[in-house]
Amino acid sequence: MTIEQGNVIDFIGVNDEEKFISLTISDHLEWDDTNEKLLLLQGKINSYLKFIESEQIYEQYPNEKSLDVHIVLLSLHLPNEEGLIFLKSVKPLIEKTGISFRWDMESES
């Protein structure tokens, strides 16, 4: 599962110790000048938000309603300038809904 599959949640994990559910977006695509990746990423994030806000997440994890929810973008490539602007602007918008958002780099090994 990857960023190209817009309506699929790539990975879900529960951290019982730190008390959160983590939904991870797997991003292997390079950042492009036409910003097609930004459109894919925006659609993927919207799908994740819909999954959370519709409470579908709790159909799979009914006992975890008290846990915080985190969305993690795990990227293989560094973002270009437009990508950085997007990531910096989307973070506060997502976090206004009470959902944590962060972006991390994946190692190629």
PDB file of N, CA and C in Angstrom:
ATOM      1  N   MET A   1       0.828  -1.164   0.000  1.00  0.00           N
ATOM      2  CA  MET A   1       0.000   0.000   0.000  1.00  0.00           C
ATOM      3  C   MET A   1       0.881   1.239   0.000  1.00  0.00           C
ATOM      4  N   THR A   2       0.459   2.227  -0.779  1.00  0.00           N
ATOM      5  CA  THR A   2       1.273   3.423  -0.927  1.00  0.00           C
ATOM      6  C   THR A   2       0.412   4.659  -1.110  1.00  0.00           C
ATOM      7  N   ILE A   3       1.079   5.769  -1.230  1.00  0.00           N
ATOM      8  CA  ILE A   3       0.427   7.051  -1.451  1.00  0.00           C
ATOM      9  C   ILE A   3      -0.446   7.029  -2.706  1.00  0.00           C
ATOM     10  N   GLU A   4      -0.124   6.174  -3.664  1.00  0.00           N
ATOM     11  CA  GLU A   4      -0.884   6.102  -4.911  1.00  0.00           C
ATOM     12  C   GLU A   4      -2.257   5.458  -4.739  1.00  0.00           C
ATOM     13  N   GLN A   5      -2.461   4.749  -3.653  1.00  0.00           N
ATOM     14  CA  GLN A   5      -3.753   4.127  -3.366  1.00  0.00           C
ATOM     15  C   GLN A   5      -4.504   5.040  -2.407  1.00  0.00           C
ATOM     16  N   GLY A   6      -5.184   6.033  -2.966  1.00  0.00           N
ATOM     17  CA  GLY A   6      -5.761   7.117  -2.194  1.00  0.00           C
ATOM     18  C   GLY A   6      -6.778   6.727  -1.148  1.00  0.00           C
ATOM     19  N   ASN A   7      -7.535   5.680  -1.367  1.00  0.00           N
ATOM     20  CA  ASN A   7      -8.588   5.308  -0.418  1.00  0.00           C
ATOM     21  C   ASN A   7      -8.207   4.152   0.488  1.00  0.00           C
ATOM     22  N   VAL A   8      -6.905   3.903   0.616  1.00  0.00           N
ATOM     23  CA  VAL A   8      -6.417   2.795   1.437  1.00  0.00           C
ATOM     24  C   VAL A   8      -5.580   3.349   2.580  1.00  0.00           C
ATOM     25  N   ILE A   9      -5.824   2.846   3.785  1.00  0.00           N
ATOM     26  CA  ILE A   9      -4.969   3.186   4.925  1.00  0.00           C
ATOM     27  C   ILE A   9      -3.765   2.254   4.844  1.00  0.00           C
ATOM     28  N   ASP A  10      -2.567   2.831   4.706  1.00  0.00           N
ATOM     29  CA  ASP A  10      -1.375   2.021   4.468  1.00  0.00           C
ATOM     30  C   ASP A  10      -1.008   1.156   5.677  1.00  0.00           C
ATOM     31  N   PHE A  11      -0.879   1.783   6.840  1.00  0.00           N
ATOM     32  CA  PHE A  11      -0.515   1.054   8.056  1.00  0.00           C
ATOM     33  C   PHE A  11      -1.233   1.665   9.253  1.00  0.00           C
ATOM     34  N   ILE A  12      -1.679   0.789  10.152  1.00  0.00           N
ATOM     35  CA  ILE A  12      -2.275   1.229  11.415  1.00  0.00           C
ATOM     36  C   ILE A  12      -1.567   0.481  12.541  1.00  0.00           C
ATOM     37  N   GLY A  13      -1.215   1.221  13.571  1.00  0.00           N
ATOM     38  CA  GLY A  13      -0.602   0.598  14.738  1.00  0.00           C
ATOM     39  C   GLY A  13      -1.111   1.241  16.006  1.00  0.00           C
ATOM     40  N   VAL A  14      -1.124   0.472  17.070  1.00  0.00           N
ATOM     41  CA  VAL A  14      -1.547   0.973  18.372  1.00  0.00           C
ATOM     42  C   VAL A  14      -0.337   0.943  19.293  1.00  0.00           C
ATOM     43  N   ASN A  15      -0.055   2.087  19.904  1.00  0.00           N
ATOM     44  CA  ASN A  15       1.005   2.173  20.900  1.00  0.00           C
ATOM     45  C   ASN A  15       0.324   2.258  22.264  1.00  0.00           C
ATOM     46  N   ASP A  16       0.192   1.114  22.919  1.00  0.00           N
ATOM     47  CA  ASP A  16      -0.491   1.057  24.210  1.00  0.00           C
ATOM     48  C   ASP A  16       0.275   1.804  25.296  1.00  0.00           C
ATOM     49  N   GLU A  17       1.592   1.764  25.214  1.00  0.00           N
ATOM     50  CA  GLU A  17       2.420   2.398  26.233  1.00  0.00           C
ATOM     51  C   GLU A  17       2.252   3.921  26.221  1.00  0.00           C
ATOM     52  N   GLU A  18       2.313   4.517  25.008  1.00  0.00           N
ATOM     53  CA  GLU A  18       2.178   5.977  24.900  1.00  0.00           C
ATOM     54  C   GLU A  18       0.743   6.399  24.594  1.00  0.00           C
ATOM     55  N   LYS A  19      -0.141   5.445  24.456  1.00  0.00           N
ATOM     56  CA  LYS A  19      -1.579   5.652  24.308  1.00  0.00           C
ATOM     57  C   LYS A  19      -1.968   6.454  23.065  1.00  0.00           C
ATOM     58  N   PHE A  20      -1.594   5.921  21.893  1.00  0.00           N
ATOM     59  CA  PHE A  20      -2.060   6.529  20.649  1.00  0.00           C
ATOM     60  C   PHE A  20      -2.186   5.481  19.553  1.00  0.00           C
ATOM     61  N   ILE A  21      -3.023   5.820  18.572  1.00  0.00           N
ATOM     62  CA  ILE A  21      -3.157   5.032  17.357  1.00  0.00           C
ATOM     63  C   ILE A  21      -2.423   5.800  16.268  1.00  0.00           C
ATOM     64  N   SER A  22      -1.584   5.113  15.526  1.00  0.00           N
ATOM     65  CA  SER A  22      -0.809   5.743  14.473  1.00  0.00           C
ATOM     66  C   SER A  22      -1.256   5.227  13.112  1.00  0.00           C
ATOM     67  N   LEU A  23      -1.607   6.156  12.228  1.00  0.00           N
ATOM     68  CA  LEU A  23      -1.949   5.822  10.849  1.00  0.00           C
ATOM     69  C   LEU A  23      -0.825   6.362   9.979  1.00  0.00           C
ATOM     70  N   THR A  24      -0.154   5.477   9.260  1.00  0.00           N
ATOM     71  CA  THR A  24       1.019   5.860   8.492  1.00  0.00           C
ATOM     72  C   THR A  24       0.731   5.865   6.999  1.00  0.00           C
ATOM     73  N   ILE A  25       1.163   6.954   6.352  1.00  0.00           N
ATOM     74  CA  ILE A  25       1.114   7.070   4.896  1.00  0.00           C
ATOM     75  C   ILE A  25       2.492   6.697   4.380  1.00  0.00           C
ATOM     76  N   SER A  26       2.548   5.703   3.505  1.00  0.00           N
ATOM     77  CA  SER A  26       3.806   5.251   2.920  1.00  0.00           C
ATOM     78  C   SER A  26       4.031   5.976   1.598  1.00  0.00           C
ATOM     79  N   ASP A  27       5.072   6.804   1.553  1.00  0.00           N
ATOM     80  CA  ASP A  27       5.340   7.652   0.399  1.00  0.00           C
ATOM     81  C   ASP A  27       6.707   7.329  -0.202  1.00  0.00           C
ATOM     82  N   HIS A  28       6.695   6.692  -1.352  1.00  0.00           N
ATOM     83  CA  HIS A  28       7.929   6.320  -2.023  1.00  0.00           C
ATOM     84  C   HIS A  28       8.235   7.201  -3.235  1.00  0.00           C
ATOM     85  N   LEU A  29       7.322   8.090  -3.581  1.00  0.00           N
ATOM     86  CA  LEU A  29       7.465   8.885  -4.800  1.00  0.00           C
ATOM     87  C   LEU A  29       8.405  10.075  -4.606  1.00  0.00           C
ATOM     88  N   GLU A  30       9.106  10.414  -5.682  1.00  0.00           N
ATOM     89  CA  GLU A  30       9.931  11.618  -5.660  1.00  0.00           C
ATOM     90  C   GLU A  30       9.027  12.833  -5.821  1.00  0.00           C
ATOM     91  N   TRP A  31       9.469  13.961  -5.316  1.00  0.00           N
ATOM     92  CA  TRP A  31       8.737  15.215  -5.472  1.00  0.00           C
ATOM     93  C   TRP A  31       8.988  15.720  -6.875  1.00  0.00           C
ATOM     94  N   ASP A  32       7.943  16.130  -7.560  1.00  0.00           N
ATOM     95  CA  ASP A  32       8.047  16.509  -8.969  1.00  0.00           C
ATOM     96  C   ASP A  32       7.713  17.983  -9.166  1.00  0.00           C
ATOM     97  N   ASP A  33       8.162  18.532 -10.294  1.00  0.00           N
ATOM     98  CA  ASP A  33       7.931  19.942 -10.615  1.00  0.00           C
ATOM     99  C   ASP A  33       6.476  20.225 -10.953  1.00  0.00           C
ATOM    100  N   THR A  34       5.737  19.226 -11.380  1.00  0.00           N
ATOM    101  CA  THR A  34       4.331  19.438 -11.739  1.00  0.00           C
ATOM    102  C   THR A  34       3.415  19.315 -10.516  1.00  0.00           C
ATOM    103  N   ASN A  35       3.981  18.909  -9.403  1.00  0.00           N
ATOM    104  CA  ASN A  35       3.260  18.784  -8.135  1.00  0.00           C
ATOM    105  C   ASN A  35       2.116  17.777  -8.171  1.00  0.00           C
ATOM    106  N   GLU A  36       2.223  16.779  -9.037  1.00  0.00           N
ATOM    107  CA  GLU A  36       1.229  15.703  -9.047  1.00  0.00           C
ATOM    108  C   GLU A  36       1.225  14.969  -7.706  1.00  0.00           C
ATOM    109  N   LYS A  37       2.408  14.855  -7.115  1.00  0.00           N
ATOM    110  CA  LYS A  37       2.508  14.178  -5.826  1.00  0.00           C
ATOM    111  C   LYS A  37       1.723  14.927  -4.754  1.00  0.00           C
ATOM    112  N   LEU A  38       1.730  16.250  -4.807  1.00  0.00           N
ATOM    113  CA  LEU A  38       0.970  17.022  -3.825  1.00  0.00           C
ATOM    114  C   LEU A  38      -0.517  16.698  -3.891  1.00  0.00           C
ATOM    115  N   LEU A  39      -1.024  16.519  -5.094  1.00  0.00           N
ATOM    116  CA  LEU A  39      -2.438  16.163  -5.244  1.00  0.00           C
ATOM    117  C   LEU A  39      -2.716  14.779  -4.664  1.00  0.00           C
ATOM    118  N   LEU A  40      -1.805  13.836  -4.926  1.00  0.00           N
ATOM    119  CA  LEU A  40      -1.952  12.490  -4.354  1.00  0.00           C
ATOM    120  C   LEU A  40      -1.912  12.537  -2.832  1.00  0.00           C
ATOM    121  N   LEU A  41      -0.971  13.306  -2.324  1.00  0.00           N
ATOM    122  CA  LEU A  41      -0.812  13.405  -0.877  1.00  0.00           C
ATOM    123  C   LEU A  41      -2.023  14.078  -0.235  1.00  0.00           C
ATOM    124  N   GLN A  42      -2.515  15.119  -0.847  1.00  0.00           N
ATOM    125  CA  GLN A  42      -3.701  15.796  -0.328  1.00  0.00           C
ATOM    126  C   GLN A  42      -4.894  14.842  -0.295  1.00  0.00           C
ATOM    127  N   GLY A  43      -5.068  14.073  -1.355  1.00  0.00           N
ATOM    128  CA  GLY A  43      -6.159  13.096  -1.386  1.00  0.00           C
ATOM    129  C   GLY A  43      -5.992  12.023  -0.336  1.00  0.00           C
ATOM    130  N   LYS A  44      -4.765  11.570  -0.142  1.00  0.00           N
ATOM    131  CA  LYS A  44      -4.493  10.523   0.846  1.00  0.00           C
ATOM    132  C   LYS A  44      -4.779  11.037   2.258  1.00  0.00           C
ATOM    133  N   ILE A  45      -4.318  12.244   2.553  1.00  0.00           N
ATOM    134  CA  ILE A  45      -4.567  12.825   3.875  1.00  0.00           C
ATOM    135  C   ILE A  45      -6.069  12.986   4.102  1.00  0.00           C
ATOM    136  N   ASN A  46      -6.775  13.453   3.093  1.00  0.00           N
ATOM    137  CA  ASN A  46      -8.227  13.601   3.220  1.00  0.00           C
ATOM    138  C   ASN A  46      -8.903  12.260   3.492  1.00  0.00           C
ATOM    139  N   SER A  47      -8.426  11.191   2.854  1.00  0.00           N
ATOM    140  CA  SER A  47      -8.974   9.853   3.112  1.00  0.00           C
ATOM    141  C   SER A  47      -8.726   9.424   4.551  1.00  0.00           C
ATOM    142  N   TYR A  48      -7.536   9.728   5.063  1.00  0.00           N
ATOM    143  CA  TYR A  48      -7.214   9.384   6.447  1.00  0.00           C
ATOM    144  C   TYR A  48      -8.122  10.154   7.407  1.00  0.00           C
ATOM    145  N   LEU A  49      -8.302  11.447   7.139  1.00  0.00           N
ATOM    146  CA  LEU A  49      -9.168  12.251   8.003  1.00  0.00           C
ATOM    147  C   LEU A  49     -10.603  11.747   7.978  1.00  0.00           C
ATOM    148  N   LYS A  50     -11.078  11.375   6.805  1.00  0.00           N
ATOM    149  CA  LYS A  50     -12.437  10.827   6.689  1.00  0.00           C
ATOM    150  C   LYS A  50     -12.556   9.519   7.471  1.00  0.00           C
ATOM    151  N   PHE A  51     -11.537   8.668   7.384  1.00  0.00           N
ATOM    152  CA  PHE A  51     -11.500   7.393   8.104  1.00  0.00           C
ATOM    153  C   PHE A  51     -11.602   7.622   9.613  1.00  0.00           C
ATOM    154  N   ILE A  52     -10.931   8.659  10.086  1.00  0.00           N
ATOM    155  CA  ILE A  52     -10.950   8.970  11.521  1.00  0.00           C
ATOM    156  C   ILE A  52     -12.263   9.632  11.913  1.00  0.00           C
ATOM    157  N   GLU A  53     -12.628  10.696  11.181  1.00  0.00           N
ATOM    158  CA  GLU A  53     -13.801  11.486  11.550  1.00  0.00           C
ATOM    159  C   GLU A  53     -15.115  10.712  11.413  1.00  0.00           C
ATOM    160  N   SER A  54     -15.163   9.748  10.499  1.00  0.00           N
ATOM    161  CA  SER A  54     -16.363   8.918  10.343  1.00  0.00           C
ATOM    162  C   SER A  54     -16.419   7.796  11.381  1.00  0.00           C
ATOM    163  N   GLU A  55     -15.354   7.704  12.166  1.00  0.00           N
ATOM    164  CA  GLU A  55     -15.194   6.688  13.208  1.00  0.00           C
ATOM    165  C   GLU A  55     -15.056   5.277  12.667  1.00  0.00           C
ATOM    166  N   GLN A  56     -14.721   5.148  11.393  1.00  0.00           N
ATOM    167  CA  GLN A  56     -14.406   3.821  10.842  1.00  0.00           C
ATOM    168  C   GLN A  56     -13.216   3.210  11.566  1.00  0.00           C
ATOM    169  N   ILE A  57     -12.309   4.053  12.017  1.00  0.00           N
ATOM    170  CA  ILE A  57     -11.135   3.577  12.745  1.00  0.00           C
ATOM    171  C   ILE A  57     -11.549   2.750  13.959  1.00  0.00           C
ATOM    172  N   TYR A  58     -12.675   3.144  14.589  1.00  0.00           N
ATOM    173  CA  TYR A  58     -13.105   2.443  15.799  1.00  0.00           C
ATOM    174  C   TYR A  58     -13.905   1.184  15.495  1.00  0.00           C
ATOM    175  N   GLU A  59     -14.285   0.998  14.240  1.00  0.00           N
ATOM    176  CA  GLU A  59     -14.864  -0.288  13.855  1.00  0.00           C
ATOM    177  C   GLU A  59     -13.775  -1.358  13.904  1.00  0.00           C
ATOM    178  N   GLN A  60     -12.537  -0.962  13.550  1.00  0.00           N
ATOM    179  CA  GLN A  60     -11.412  -1.897  13.596  1.00  0.00           C
ATOM    180  C   GLN A  60     -10.776  -1.959  14.984  1.00  0.00           C
ATOM    181  N   TYR A  61     -10.852  -0.845  15.711  1.00  0.00           N
ATOM    182  CA  TYR A  61     -10.238  -0.764  17.036  1.00  0.00           C
ATOM    183  C   TYR A  61     -11.262  -0.224  18.047  1.00  0.00           C
ATOM    184  N   PRO A  62     -12.305  -0.991  18.329  1.00  0.00           N
ATOM    185  CA  PRO A  62     -13.393  -0.484  19.189  1.00  0.00           C
ATOM    186  C   PRO A  62     -12.971  -0.178  20.622  1.00  0.00           C
ATOM    187  N   ASN A  63     -11.933  -0.801  21.113  1.00  0.00           N
ATOM    188  CA  ASN A  63     -11.498  -0.586  22.487  1.00  0.00           C
ATOM    189  C   ASN A  63     -10.500   0.558  22.632  1.00  0.00           C
ATOM    190  N   GLU A  64     -10.220   1.269  21.536  1.00  0.00           N
ATOM    191  CA  GLU A  64      -9.171   2.288  21.550  1.00  0.00           C
ATOM    192  C   GLU A  64      -9.716   3.710  21.416  1.00  0.00           C
ATOM    193  N   LYS A  65     -10.993   3.921  21.676  1.00  0.00           N
ATOM    194  CA  LYS A  65     -11.608   5.243  21.500  1.00  0.00           C
ATOM    195  C   LYS A  65     -10.991   6.320  22.371  1.00  0.00           C
ATOM    196  N   SER A  66     -10.372   5.945  23.466  1.00  0.00           N
ATOM    197  CA  SER A  66      -9.779   6.938  24.363  1.00  0.00           C
ATOM    198  C   SER A  66      -8.365   7.353  23.938  1.00  0.00           C
ATOM    199  N   LEU A  67      -7.806   6.678  22.944  1.00  0.00           N
ATOM    200  CA  LEU A  67      -6.437   6.982  22.530  1.00  0.00           C
ATOM    201  C   LEU A  67      -6.388   8.155  21.555  1.00  0.00           C
ATOM    202  N   ASP A  68      -5.293   8.917  21.598  1.00  0.00           N
ATOM    203  CA  ASP A  68      -5.047   9.965  20.612  1.00  0.00           C
ATOM    204  C   ASP A  68      -4.777   9.314  19.263  1.00  0.00           C
ATOM    205  N   VAL A  69      -4.998  10.074  18.206  1.00  0.00           N
ATOM    206  CA  VAL A  69      -4.741   9.570  16.849  1.00  0.00           C
ATOM    207  C   VAL A  69      -3.658  10.416  16.208  1.00  0.00           C
ATOM    208  N   HIS A  70      -2.689   9.746  15.602  1.00  0.00           N
ATOM    209  CA  HIS A  70      -1.588  10.400  14.913  1.00  0.00           C
ATOM    210  C   HIS A  70      -1.603   9.968  13.446  1.00  0.00           C
ATOM    211  N   ILE A  71      -1.366  10.919  12.552  1.00  0.00           N
ATOM    212  CA  ILE A  71      -1.104  10.605  11.145  1.00  0.00           C
ATOM    213  C   ILE A  71       0.370  10.868  10.915  1.00  0.00           C
ATOM    214  N   VAL A  72       1.051   9.875  10.360  1.00  0.00           N
ATOM    215  CA  VAL A  72       2.484   9.989  10.088  1.00  0.00           C
ATOM    216  C   VAL A  72       2.704   9.806   8.597  1.00  0.00           C
ATOM    217  N   LEU A  73       3.379  10.764   7.980  1.00  0.00           N
ATOM    218  CA  LEU A  73       3.799  10.645   6.586  1.00  0.00           C
ATOM    219  C   LEU A  73       5.231  10.161   6.592  1.00  0.00           C
ATOM    220  N   LEU A  74       5.459   8.962   6.071  1.00  0.00           N
ATOM    221  CA  LEU A  74       6.793   8.378   6.020  1.00  0.00           C
ATOM    222  C   LEU A  74       7.274   8.439   4.579  1.00  0.00           C
ATOM    223  N   SER A  75       8.207   9.372   4.303  1.00  0.00           N
ATOM    224  CA  SER A  75       8.665   9.638   2.934  1.00  0.00           C
ATOM    225  C   SER A  75      10.046   9.058   2.674  1.00  0.00           C
ATOM    226  N   LEU A  76      10.244   8.631   1.450  1.00  0.00           N
ATOM    227  CA  LEU A  76      11.542   8.134   1.026  1.00  0.00           C
ATOM    228  C   LEU A  76      12.436   9.273   0.530  1.00  0.00           C
ATOM    229  N   HIS A  77      11.820  10.347   0.013  1.00  0.00           N
ATOM    230  CA  HIS A  77      12.569  11.456  -0.588  1.00  0.00           C
ATOM    231  C   HIS A  77      12.282  12.771   0.127  1.00  0.00           C
ATOM    232  N   LEU A  78      13.300  13.621   0.186  1.00  0.00           N
ATOM    233  CA  LEU A  78      13.132  14.954   0.760  1.00  0.00           C
ATOM    234  C   LEU A  78      12.172  15.766  -0.095  1.00  0.00           C
ATOM    235  N   PRO A  79      11.320  16.563   0.522  1.00  0.00           N
ATOM    236  CA  PRO A  79      10.383  17.366  -0.266  1.00  0.00           C
ATOM    237  C   PRO A  79      11.072  18.530  -0.979  1.00  0.00           C
ATOM    238  N   ASN A  80      10.486  18.932  -2.104  1.00  0.00           N
ATOM    239  CA  ASN A  80      10.950  20.135  -2.778  1.00  0.00           C
ATOM    240  C   ASN A  80      10.354  21.340  -2.043  1.00  0.00           C
ATOM    241  N   GLU A  81      10.577  22.544  -2.570  1.00  0.00           N
ATOM    242  CA  GLU A  81      10.110  23.755  -1.888  1.00  0.00           C
ATOM    243  C   GLU A  81       8.593  23.769  -1.716  1.00  0.00           C
ATOM    244  N   GLU A  82       7.868  23.400  -2.781  1.00  0.00           N
ATOM    245  CA  GLU A  82       6.408  23.374  -2.691  1.00  0.00           C
ATOM    246  C   GLU A  82       5.937  22.323  -1.691  1.00  0.00           C
ATOM    247  N   GLY A  83       6.649  21.199  -1.648  1.00  0.00           N
ATOM    248  CA  GLY A  83       6.315  20.150  -0.694  1.00  0.00           C
ATOM    249  C   GLY A  83       6.483  20.606   0.741  1.00  0.00           C
ATOM    250  N   LEU A  84       7.577  21.317   1.017  1.00  0.00           N
ATOM    251  CA  LEU A  84       7.798  21.841   2.368  1.00  0.00           C
ATOM    252  C   LEU A  84       6.714  22.837   2.762  1.00  0.00           C
ATOM    253  N   ILE A  85       6.354  23.708   1.833  1.00  0.00           N
ATOM    254  CA  ILE A  85       5.289  24.674   2.104  1.00  0.00           C
ATOM    255  C   ILE A  85       3.995  23.939   2.429  1.00  0.00           C
ATOM    256  N   PHE A  86       3.673  22.913   1.638  1.00  0.00           N
ATOM    257  CA  PHE A  86       2.462  22.133   1.869  1.00  0.00           C
ATOM    258  C   PHE A  86       2.490  21.459   3.234  1.00  0.00           C
ATOM    259  N   LEU A  87       3.588  20.788   3.559  1.00  0.00           N
ATOM    260  CA  LEU A  87       3.678  20.064   4.831  1.00  0.00           C
ATOM    261  C   LEU A  87       3.565  21.015   6.019  1.00  0.00           C
ATOM    262  N   LYS A  88       4.196  22.187   5.904  1.00  0.00           N
ATOM    263  CA  LYS A  88       4.122  23.166   6.996  1.00  0.00           C
ATOM    264  C   LYS A  88       2.726  23.753   7.136  1.00  0.00           C
ATOM    265  N   SER A  89       2.007  23.887   6.029  1.00  0.00           N
ATOM    266  CA  SER A  89       0.662  24.477   6.108  1.00  0.00           C
ATOM    267  C   SER A  89      -0.401  23.457   6.503  1.00  0.00           C
ATOM    268  N   VAL A  90      -0.222  22.199   6.132  1.00  0.00           N
ATOM    269  CA  VAL A  90      -1.238  21.186   6.429  1.00  0.00           C
ATOM    270  C   VAL A  90      -1.190  20.749   7.901  1.00  0.00           C
ATOM    271  N   LYS A  91      -0.026  20.799   8.508  1.00  0.00           N
ATOM    272  CA  LYS A  91       0.118  20.349   9.900  1.00  0.00           C
ATOM    273  C   LYS A  91      -0.842  21.076  10.845  1.00  0.00           C
ATOM    274  N   PRO A  92      -0.863  22.422  10.879  1.00  0.00           N
ATOM    275  CA  PRO A  92      -1.786  23.074  11.815  1.00  0.00           C
ATOM    276  C   PRO A  92      -3.260  22.849  11.460  1.00  0.00           C
ATOM    277  N   LEU A  93      -3.571  22.677  10.186  1.00  0.00           N
ATOM    278  CA  LEU A  93      -4.948  22.415   9.792  1.00  0.00           C
ATOM    279  C   LEU A  93      -5.424  21.072  10.331  1.00  0.00           C
ATOM    280  N   ILE A  94      -4.569  20.073  10.216  1.00  0.00           N
ATOM    281  CA  ILE A  94      -4.914  18.744  10.742  1.00  0.00           C
ATOM    282  C   ILE A  94      -4.996  18.785  12.261  1.00  0.00           C
ATOM    283  N   GLU A  95      -4.030  19.449  12.869  1.00  0.00           N
ATOM    284  CA  GLU A  95      -3.971  19.440  14.329  1.00  0.00           C
ATOM    285  C   GLU A  95      -5.109  20.236  14.969  1.00  0.00           C
ATOM    286  N   LYS A  96      -5.757  21.136  14.212  1.00  0.00           N
ATOM    287  CA  LYS A  96      -6.950  21.827  14.724  1.00  0.00           C
ATOM    288  C   LYS A  96      -8.081  20.844  15.002  1.00  0.00           C
ATOM    289  N   THR A  97      -8.058  19.701  14.324  1.00  0.00           N
ATOM    290  CA  THR A  97      -9.105  18.692  14.512  1.00  0.00           C
ATOM    291  C   THR A  97      -8.808  17.767  15.695  1.00  0.00           C
ATOM    292  N   GLY A  98      -7.642  17.972  16.337  1.00  0.00           N
ATOM    293  CA  GLY A  98      -7.270  17.127  17.465  1.00  0.00           C
ATOM    294  C   GLY A  98      -6.451  15.910  17.069  1.00  0.00           C
ATOM    295  N   ILE A  99      -6.038  15.869  15.807  1.00  0.00           N
ATOM    296  CA  ILE A  99      -5.243  14.757  15.296  1.00  0.00           C
ATOM    297  C   ILE A  99      -3.810  15.246  15.101  1.00  0.00           C
ATOM    298  N   SER A 100      -2.858  14.508  15.603  1.00  0.00           N
ATOM    299  CA  SER A 100      -1.453  14.866  15.454  1.00  0.00           C
ATOM    300  C   SER A 100      -0.973  14.524  14.035  1.00  0.00           C
ATOM    301  N   PHE A 101      -0.065  15.342  13.487  1.00  0.00           N
ATOM    302  CA  PHE A 101       0.505  15.069  12.165  1.00  0.00           C
ATOM    303  C   PHE A 101       2.003  15.303  12.228  1.00  0.00           C
ATOM    304  N   ARG A 102       2.747  14.346  11.653  1.00  0.00           N
ATOM    305  CA  ARG A 102       4.194  14.546  11.532  1.00  0.00           C
ATOM    306  C   ARG A 102       4.701  13.897  10.265  1.00  0.00           C
ATOM    307  N   TRP A 103       5.847  14.351   9.843  1.00  0.00           N
ATOM    308  CA  TRP A 103       6.484  13.863   8.633  1.00  0.00           C
ATOM    309  C   TRP A 103       7.869  13.363   8.996  1.00  0.00           C
ATOM    310  N   ASP A 104       8.210  12.160   8.528  1.00  0.00           N
ATOM    311  CA  ASP A 104       9.512  11.545   8.805  1.00  0.00           C
ATOM    312  C   ASP A 104      10.104  10.998   7.521  1.00  0.00           C
ATOM    313  N   MET A 105      11.403  10.845   7.533  1.00  0.00           N
ATOM    314  CA  MET A 105      12.115  10.231   6.415  1.00  0.00           C
ATOM    315  C   MET A 105      12.308   8.749   6.684  1.00  0.00           C
ATOM    316  N   GLU A 106      12.107   7.968   5.648  1.00  0.00           N
ATOM    317  CA  GLU A 106      12.314   6.525   5.707  1.00  0.00           C
ATOM    318  C   GLU A 106      13.726   6.247   5.191  1.00  0.00           C
ATOM    319  N   SER A 107      14.425   5.329   5.816  1.00  0.00           N
ATOM    320  CA  SER A 107      15.750   4.975   5.310  1.00  0.00           C
ATOM    321  C   SER A 107      15.589   4.014   4.141  1.00  0.00           C
ATOM    322  N   GLU A 108      16.530   4.062   3.207  1.00  0.00           N
ATOM    323  CA  GLU A 108      16.453   3.241   2.014  1.00  0.00           C
ATOM    324  C   GLU A 108      16.963   1.829   2.236  1.00  0.00           C
ATOM    325  N   SER A 109      17.460   1.513   3.409  1.00  0.00           N
ATOM    326  CA  SER A 109      18.032   0.180   3.622  1.00  0.00           C
ATOM    327  C   SER A 109      17.020  -0.888   3.864  1.00  0.00           C
TER     328      SER A 109
END
